[in-house]
Amino acid sequence: MADLYAKLKLPKQRVYVKNAGFIKRLLAFAADILLLDIVVFSSFQALLTGVTVDFSTQLSPHLYAIAVVLSLITMTYFILFEYLLGQTPGKMLLGIKVENATLWRAFVRNLHFIPVFPFPLLWILEPAYLLWRKSRLLEVLTKTRTVERIII
């Protein structure tokens, strides 16, 4: 593409990079969870058929093991896509990307998928921080950011 611009002697494209908005992030996350649901989570449905949960008692080890496996699969999905491509399929769909994602940073960015205390507290802290400061708390800690590139 750069060669075409050089041959035609057109001015170079200018790209404006801005932080991705809350709605785009939310829709990208929903698309990723939907994809995981269709491809991965649905295969566990047979294991959960007929399981009832009584929250007054402790969760069965079988149910807890399934929850841990599903959270590890989900973490792996987000970590590998963000590390290898800089974006998950949901982010690709909405045109947003993660900058500066190393393997370790991608891991820390996705700690909220670990279903063991205190990590579920991030389910409340992350959206609140995002609405308040316009960036994720774990992005600030990892020095990464989710951006949208706009060609001018």
C-alpha atoms as a PDB file:
ATOM      1  CA  MET A   1       0.000   0.000   0.000  1.00  0.00           C
ATOM      2  CA  ALA A   2       2.887   2.352   0.792  1.00  0.00           C
ATOM      3  CA  ASP A   3       4.292   1.708  -2.697  1.00  0.00           C
ATOM      4  CA  LEU A   4       0.992   2.729  -4.248  1.00  0.00           C
ATOM      5  CA  TYR A   5       1.042   6.018  -2.333  1.00  0.00           C
ATOM      6  CA  ALA A   6       4.638   6.627  -3.457  1.00  0.00           C
ATOM      7  CA  LYS A   7       3.836   5.899  -7.114  1.00  0.00           C
ATOM      8  CA  LEU A   8       0.777   8.126  -7.115  1.00  0.00           C
ATOM      9  CA  LYS A   9       2.591  10.783  -5.090  1.00  0.00           C
ATOM     10  CA  LEU A  10      -0.321  11.028  -2.680  1.00  0.00           C
ATOM     11  CA  PRO A  11       0.154  12.380   0.805  1.00  0.00           C
ATOM     12  CA  LYS A  12       0.752   9.729   3.449  1.00  0.00           C
ATOM     13  CA  GLN A  13      -2.213   8.576   5.437  1.00  0.00           C
ATOM     14  CA  ARG A  14      -2.517  10.159   8.819  1.00  0.00           C
ATOM     15  CA  VAL A  15      -3.627   7.928  11.637  1.00  0.00           C
ATOM     16  CA  TYR A  16      -5.191   9.207  14.828  1.00  0.00           C
ATOM     17  CA  VAL A  17      -4.849   6.807  17.764  1.00  0.00           C
ATOM     18  CA  LYS A  18      -7.273   7.172  20.657  1.00  0.00           C
ATOM     19  CA  ASN A  19      -8.328   5.075  23.627  1.00  0.00           C
ATOM     20  CA  ALA A  20     -11.140   2.702  22.745  1.00  0.00           C
ATOM     21  CA  GLY A  21     -14.472   3.701  24.197  1.00  0.00           C
ATOM     22  CA  PHE A  22     -16.422   1.808  26.841  1.00  0.00           C
ATOM     23  CA  ILE A  23     -19.180   0.685  24.441  1.00  0.00           C
ATOM     24  CA  LYS A  24     -16.709  -0.702  21.887  1.00  0.00           C
ATOM     25  CA  ARG A  25     -14.827  -2.548  24.632  1.00  0.00           C
ATOM     26  CA  LEU A  26     -18.069  -3.955  26.029  1.00  0.00           C
ATOM     27  CA  LEU A  27     -19.283  -5.116  22.607  1.00  0.00           C
ATOM     28  CA  ALA A  28     -15.898  -6.695  21.828  1.00  0.00           C
ATOM     29  CA  PHE A  29     -15.966  -8.537  25.157  1.00  0.00           C
ATOM     30  CA  ALA A  30     -19.543  -9.716  24.508  1.00  0.00           C
ATOM     31  CA  ALA A  31     -18.536 -10.982  21.049  1.00  0.00           C
ATOM     32  CA  ASP A  32     -15.581 -12.876  22.545  1.00  0.00           C
ATOM     33  CA  ILE A  33     -17.735 -14.448  25.267  1.00  0.00           C
ATOM     34  CA  LEU A  34     -20.361 -15.401  22.658  1.00  0.00           C
ATOM     35  CA  LEU A  35     -17.660 -17.043  20.537  1.00  0.00           C
ATOM     36  CA  LEU A  36     -16.314 -18.906  23.573  1.00  0.00           C
ATOM     37  CA  ASP A  37     -19.852 -19.959  24.479  1.00  0.00           C
ATOM     38  CA  ILE A  38     -20.533 -21.382  21.031  1.00  0.00           C
ATOM     39  CA  VAL A  39     -17.168 -23.103  20.584  1.00  0.00           C
ATOM     40  CA  VAL A  40     -16.092 -24.100  24.108  1.00  0.00           C
ATOM     41  CA  PHE A  41     -18.690 -23.664  26.824  1.00  0.00           C
ATOM     42  CA  SER A  42     -21.431 -25.515  24.930  1.00  0.00           C
ATOM     43  CA  SER A  43     -19.292 -28.677  24.966  1.00  0.00           C
ATOM     44  CA  PHE A  44     -19.467 -28.642  28.781  1.00  0.00           C
ATOM     45  CA  GLN A  45     -23.248 -28.394  28.769  1.00  0.00           C
ATOM     46  CA  ALA A  46     -23.694 -32.183  28.845  1.00  0.00           C
ATOM     47  CA  LEU A  47     -21.649 -32.334  32.054  1.00  0.00           C
ATOM     48  CA  LEU A  48     -23.891 -29.751  33.684  1.00  0.00           C
ATOM     49  CA  THR A  49     -27.238 -31.207  32.620  1.00  0.00           C
ATOM     50  CA  GLY A  50     -29.328 -31.909  35.685  1.00  0.00           C
ATOM     51  CA  VAL A  51     -26.930 -30.149  38.066  1.00  0.00           C
ATOM     52  CA  THR A  52     -28.675 -27.954  40.578  1.00  0.00           C
ATOM     53  CA  VAL A  53     -26.821 -25.571  42.812  1.00  0.00           C
ATOM     54  CA  ASP A  54     -27.892 -24.923  46.367  1.00  0.00           C
ATOM     55  CA  PHE A  55     -26.019 -21.816  47.461  1.00  0.00           C
ATOM     56  CA  SER A  56     -26.602 -22.622  51.119  1.00  0.00           C
ATOM     57  CA  THR A  57     -24.176 -25.540  50.804  1.00  0.00           C
ATOM     58  CA  GLN A  58     -20.679 -25.803  49.425  1.00  0.00           C
ATOM     59  CA  LEU A  59     -20.167 -26.304  45.688  1.00  0.00           C
ATOM     60  CA  SER A  60     -19.396 -29.839  44.658  1.00  0.00           C
ATOM     61  CA  PRO A  61     -15.771 -30.536  43.687  1.00  0.00           C
ATOM     62  CA  HIS A  62     -17.019 -31.639  40.252  1.00  0.00           C
ATOM     63  CA  LEU A  63     -18.741 -28.314  39.607  1.00  0.00           C
ATOM     64  CA  TYR A  64     -15.800 -26.346  40.972  1.00  0.00           C
ATOM     65  CA  ALA A  65     -13.378 -28.268  38.708  1.00  0.00           C
ATOM     66  CA  ILE A  66     -15.500 -27.427  35.665  1.00  0.00           C
ATOM     67  CA  ALA A  67     -15.527 -23.744  36.659  1.00  0.00           C
ATOM     68  CA  VAL A  68     -11.731 -23.741  37.023  1.00  0.00           C
ATOM     69  CA  VAL A  69     -11.233 -25.459  33.651  1.00  0.00           C
ATOM     70  CA  LEU A  70     -13.574 -23.003  31.907  1.00  0.00           C
ATOM     71  CA  SER A  71     -11.840 -20.016  33.483  1.00  0.00           C
ATOM     72  CA  LEU A  72      -8.417 -21.366  32.425  1.00  0.00           C
ATOM     73  CA  ILE A  73      -9.668 -21.834  28.860  1.00  0.00           C
ATOM     74  CA  THR A  74     -11.093 -18.309  28.869  1.00  0.00           C
ATOM     75  CA  MET A  75      -7.859 -16.838  30.257  1.00  0.00           C
ATOM     76  CA  THR A  76      -5.796 -18.730  27.691  1.00  0.00           C
ATOM     77  CA  TYR A  77      -8.028 -17.446  24.877  1.00  0.00           C
ATOM     78  CA  PHE A  78      -7.654 -13.799  25.911  1.00  0.00           C
ATOM     79  CA  ILE A  79      -3.947 -14.040  26.826  1.00  0.00           C
ATOM     80  CA  LEU A  80      -2.828 -15.765  23.626  1.00  0.00           C
ATOM     81  CA  PHE A  81      -4.875 -13.581  21.287  1.00  0.00           C
ATOM     82  CA  GLU A  82      -3.732 -10.367  22.981  1.00  0.00           C
ATOM     83  CA  TYR A  83      -0.097 -11.508  23.126  1.00  0.00           C
ATOM     84  CA  LEU A  84       0.183 -13.000  19.636  1.00  0.00           C
ATOM     85  CA  LEU A  85      -2.109 -10.702  17.633  1.00  0.00           C
ATOM     86  CA  GLY A  86      -2.700  -7.737  19.919  1.00  0.00           C
ATOM     87  CA  GLN A  87      -6.429  -8.311  19.659  1.00  0.00           C
ATOM     88  CA  THR A  88      -9.076 -10.945  20.202  1.00  0.00           C
ATOM     89  CA  PRO A  89     -11.635 -11.783  17.498  1.00  0.00           C
ATOM     90  CA  GLY A  90     -14.138  -9.486  19.241  1.00  0.00           C
ATOM     91  CA  LYS A  91     -11.614  -6.636  19.191  1.00  0.00           C
ATOM     92  CA  MET A  92     -10.877  -7.379  15.522  1.00  0.00           C
ATOM     93  CA  LEU A  93     -14.590  -7.146  14.756  1.00  0.00           C
ATOM     94  CA  LEU A  94     -14.794  -3.695  16.355  1.00  0.00           C
ATOM     95  CA  GLY A  95     -11.433  -2.385  15.138  1.00  0.00           C
ATOM     96  CA  ILE A  96      -9.705  -2.014  18.495  1.00  0.00           C
ATOM     97  CA  LYS A  97      -6.307  -3.332  19.552  1.00  0.00           C
ATOM     98  CA  VAL A  98      -4.119  -3.759  22.628  1.00  0.00           C
ATOM     99  CA  GLU A  99      -0.778  -1.920  22.567  1.00  0.00           C
ATOM    100  CA  ASN A 100       2.397  -3.098  24.341  1.00  0.00           C
ATOM    101  CA  ALA A 101       1.069  -6.558  25.230  1.00  0.00           C
ATOM    102  CA  THR A 102       3.862  -8.933  26.241  1.00  0.00           C
ATOM    103  CA  LEU A 103       2.991 -12.412  27.509  1.00  0.00           C
ATOM    104  CA  TRP A 104       3.280 -11.329  31.144  1.00  0.00           C
ATOM    105  CA  ARG A 105       1.289  -8.144  30.585  1.00  0.00           C
ATOM    106  CA  ALA A 106      -1.441 -10.068  28.763  1.00  0.00           C
ATOM    107  CA  PHE A 107      -1.606 -12.458  31.720  1.00  0.00           C
ATOM    108  CA  VAL A 108      -1.950  -9.654  34.272  1.00  0.00           C
ATOM    109  CA  ARG A 109      -4.533  -7.844  32.095  1.00  0.00           C
ATOM    110  CA  ASN A 110      -6.774 -10.916  32.343  1.00  0.00           C
ATOM    111  CA  LEU A 111      -6.511 -11.747  36.040  1.00  0.00           C
ATOM    112  CA  HIS A 112     -10.226 -11.072  36.464  1.00  0.00           C
ATOM    113  CA  PHE A 113     -10.965 -14.488  34.919  1.00  0.00           C
ATOM    114  CA  ILE A 114      -9.482 -16.328  37.914  1.00  0.00           C
ATOM    115  CA  PRO A 115     -12.518 -17.436  39.967  1.00  0.00           C
ATOM    116  CA  VAL A 116     -10.701 -17.333  43.328  1.00  0.00           C
ATOM    117  CA  PHE A 117     -10.849 -14.474  45.830  1.00  0.00           C
ATOM    118  CA  PRO A 118      -9.663 -11.657  45.528  1.00  0.00           C
ATOM    119  CA  PHE A 119      -9.713 -11.675  41.705  1.00  0.00           C
ATOM    120  CA  PRO A 120     -13.532 -11.558  41.351  1.00  0.00           C
ATOM    121  CA  LEU A 121     -13.362  -8.138  43.025  1.00  0.00           C
ATOM    122  CA  LEU A 122     -11.955  -6.962  39.693  1.00  0.00           C
ATOM    123  CA  TRP A 123     -15.405  -7.641  38.163  1.00  0.00           C
ATOM    124  CA  ILE A 124     -16.567  -4.549  40.054  1.00  0.00           C
ATOM    125  CA  LEU A 125     -13.360  -2.503  40.187  1.00  0.00           C
ATOM    126  CA  GLU A 126     -12.468  -2.763  36.484  1.00  0.00           C
ATOM    127  CA  PRO A 127     -15.735  -1.376  35.016  1.00  0.00           C
ATOM    128  CA  ALA A 128     -15.952   1.281  37.732  1.00  0.00           C
ATOM    129  CA  TYR A 129     -12.377   2.422  37.073  1.00  0.00           C
ATOM    130  CA  LEU A 130     -13.013   2.320  33.317  1.00  0.00           C
ATOM    131  CA  LEU A 131     -16.069   4.564  33.611  1.00  0.00           C
ATOM    132  CA  TRP A 132     -14.315   6.892  36.055  1.00  0.00           C
ATOM    133  CA  ARG A 133     -10.840   7.174  34.474  1.00  0.00           C
ATOM    134  CA  LYS A 134     -11.543   6.050  30.874  1.00  0.00           C
ATOM    135  CA  SER A 135      -8.934   3.262  31.163  1.00  0.00           C
ATOM    136  CA  ARG A 136      -8.839  -0.140  32.819  1.00  0.00           C
ATOM    137  CA  LEU A 137      -7.132  -0.505  36.187  1.00  0.00           C
ATOM    138  CA  LEU A 138      -5.128  -3.491  34.949  1.00  0.00           C
ATOM    139  CA  GLU A 139      -4.101  -1.527  31.860  1.00  0.00           C
ATOM    140  CA  VAL A 140      -2.656   1.171  34.074  1.00  0.00           C
ATOM    141  CA  LEU A 141      -0.771  -1.434  36.120  1.00  0.00           C
ATOM    142  CA  THR A 142       0.597  -3.218  33.028  1.00  0.00           C
ATOM    143  CA  LYS A 143       1.279  -0.057  31.004  1.00  0.00           C
ATOM    144  CA  THR A 144      -0.851  -1.324  28.129  1.00  0.00           C
ATOM    145  CA  ARG A 145      -3.855   0.294  26.523  1.00  0.00           C
ATOM    146  CA  THR A 146      -6.691  -0.619  24.221  1.00  0.00           C
ATOM    147  CA  VAL A 147      -6.792   1.746  21.274  1.00  0.00           C
ATOM    148  CA  GLU A 148      -8.743   2.526  18.171  1.00  0.00           C
ATOM    149  CA  ARG A 149      -6.930   3.733  15.061  1.00  0.00           C
ATOM    150  CA  ILE A 150      -8.759   6.263  12.913  1.00  0.00           C
ATOM    151  CA  ILE A 151      -7.409   7.014   9.444  1.00  0.00           C
ATOM    152  CA  ILE A 152      -7.749  10.687   8.582  1.00  0.00           C
END
